[in-house]
Amino acid sequence: MSVAIRLRREGAKNRPYYRIVVADSRSRREGPFIEQIGTYDPLIAGRNWEIDLEKADSWVGKGAKPSKTVGNIMKWARQGAASAES
């Protein structure tokens, strides 16, 4: 079974809101998922995402592949955590 970390679309028409989920890569976008690890709201300016990096890193360590957008969100979260520690 191939596992992907990707966005699951929620929200109303013309008002998207996404959940960052771990799902079987063969399932459809709004289909069943294994675990929710964060959120992303593209219509909010500034920091419009939240992600549990420990869970994401755990799934990547098990072989899950993040989508491009989720990979970028993980990168932003790591940069934000590094600047908060400084």
Protein backbone atom coordinates (compact mmCIF):
# COMPACT_ATOMS: atom_id res chain seq x y z
CA MET A 1 0.00 0.00 0.00
CA SER A 2 1.41 3.37 -1.02
CA VAL A 3 0.70 6.16 1.48
CA ALA A 4 0.56 9.87 0.64
CA ILE A 5 0.42 13.01 2.75
CA ARG A 6 -1.89 15.34 0.86
CA LEU A 7 -4.63 17.95 1.06
CA ARG A 8 -8.28 17.03 1.52
CA ARG A 9 -10.65 19.77 0.34
CA GLU A 10 -13.32 20.98 2.73
CA GLY A 11 -15.40 24.14 2.82
CA ALA A 12 -18.04 25.68 0.60
CA LYS A 13 -18.06 26.61 -3.05
CA ASN A 14 -15.50 29.38 -3.72
CA ARG A 15 -14.34 29.11 -0.08
CA PRO A 16 -11.79 26.27 0.04
CA TYR A 17 -10.36 24.98 3.28
CA TYR A 18 -7.99 22.02 3.37
CA ARG A 19 -7.07 19.38 5.92
CA ILE A 20 -3.62 17.82 5.70
CA VAL A 21 -4.20 14.08 5.84
CA VAL A 22 -2.34 10.81 5.51
CA ALA A 23 -4.20 8.61 3.04
CA ASP A 24 -3.81 5.65 0.72
CA SER A 25 -2.60 7.13 -2.56
CA ARG A 26 -5.27 5.18 -4.46
CA SER A 27 -8.19 6.76 -2.58
CA ARG A 28 -9.94 9.81 -3.97
CA ARG A 29 -9.33 13.36 -2.72
CA GLU A 30 -12.34 13.49 -0.37
CA GLY A 31 -12.21 9.77 0.33
CA PRO A 32 -11.20 7.92 3.47
CA PHE A 33 -7.96 8.83 5.21
CA ILE A 34 -5.75 7.30 7.88
CA GLU A 35 -4.95 10.34 10.02
CA GLN A 36 -5.37 14.13 9.98
CA ILE A 37 -2.13 15.97 10.82
CA GLY A 38 -2.93 19.60 10.03
CA THR A 39 -4.91 22.29 8.23
CA TYR A 40 -4.36 24.85 5.46
CA ASP A 41 -6.55 27.85 4.57
CA PRO A 42 -5.32 29.57 1.37
CA LEU A 43 -7.68 32.55 1.74
CA ILE A 44 -6.11 33.83 4.97
CA ALA A 45 -3.10 36.12 4.69
CA GLY A 46 0.03 35.36 6.71
CA ARG A 47 0.44 32.09 8.59
CA ASN A 48 -2.50 30.17 7.14
CA TRP A 49 -1.43 26.61 8.01
CA GLU A 50 -0.94 24.32 10.99
CA ILE A 51 0.82 20.98 10.91
CA ASP A 52 2.07 18.47 13.47
CA LEU A 53 5.65 18.02 12.28
CA GLU A 54 6.31 15.06 14.60
CA LYS A 55 3.47 13.07 13.03
CA ALA A 56 4.45 14.17 9.52
CA ASP A 57 8.08 13.14 10.06
CA SER A 58 6.92 9.84 11.53
CA TRP A 59 4.84 9.08 8.42
CA VAL A 60 7.64 10.16 6.07
CA GLY A 61 9.95 7.82 7.99
CA LYS A 62 7.47 5.00 7.33
CA GLY A 63 7.56 5.73 3.58
CA ALA A 64 4.72 8.22 3.03
CA LYS A 65 5.31 10.72 0.25
CA PRO A 66 4.10 14.32 0.75
CA SER A 67 2.56 16.22 -2.14
CA LYS A 68 4.34 19.36 -3.39
CA THR A 69 2.08 21.71 -1.43
CA VAL A 70 2.33 19.68 1.77
CA GLY A 71 6.11 19.51 1.32
CA ASN A 72 6.19 23.32 1.12
CA ILE A 73 4.02 23.63 4.24
CA MET A 74 6.38 21.28 6.10
CA LYS A 75 9.34 23.41 4.97
CA TRP A 76 7.61 26.62 6.17
CA ALA A 77 6.84 24.99 9.53
CA ARG A 78 10.48 23.98 10.00
CA GLN A 79 11.66 27.51 9.12
CA GLY A 80 9.14 29.00 11.55
CA ALA A 81 10.24 26.63 14.31
CA ALA A 82 13.91 27.46 13.68
CA SER A 83 13.29 31.23 13.79
CA ALA A 84 11.22 30.86 17.00
CA GLU A 85 14.12 29.06 18.70
CA SER A 86 16.61 31.80 17.72
